[in-house]
Amino acid sequence: MLDDKDLEFVGILRSLNVPRNVATLITYLANTDEVTSREIERGTNLRQPEVSTGMRTLRQNNWVEERDIKSKEKRAAHQGLQAWRAYWRDHKTL
């Protein structure tokens, strides 16, 4: 789940005209390693269509990689947001 600092960062991204679902996904994925699409839905409180459209945007910009996994979940998203992760790690404590 996103905490108050995460939500503040989502707000900062939103102020830069980043769509809400994309801003939320960037923030969530910057704090994770590898997660399933269902974990993303739960952790961001976004509905499946919002996650799908947001992930499409992130994939089109080469910010994430997806791969199929063999389990109950159909997809896993491996985040490739090292720059975002470093920025957020450095600024989250402010």
Foldseek 3Di string as FASTA:
>chain_A
DDDPLLVVQLVVVVVVVDDSLLSLQLSVLLPDFKAFLVVSCVVSVDDSVSSVVNVVVCVVVVQWDKDADPDPGGIMIGGNNPVSNVVCVVPSVD
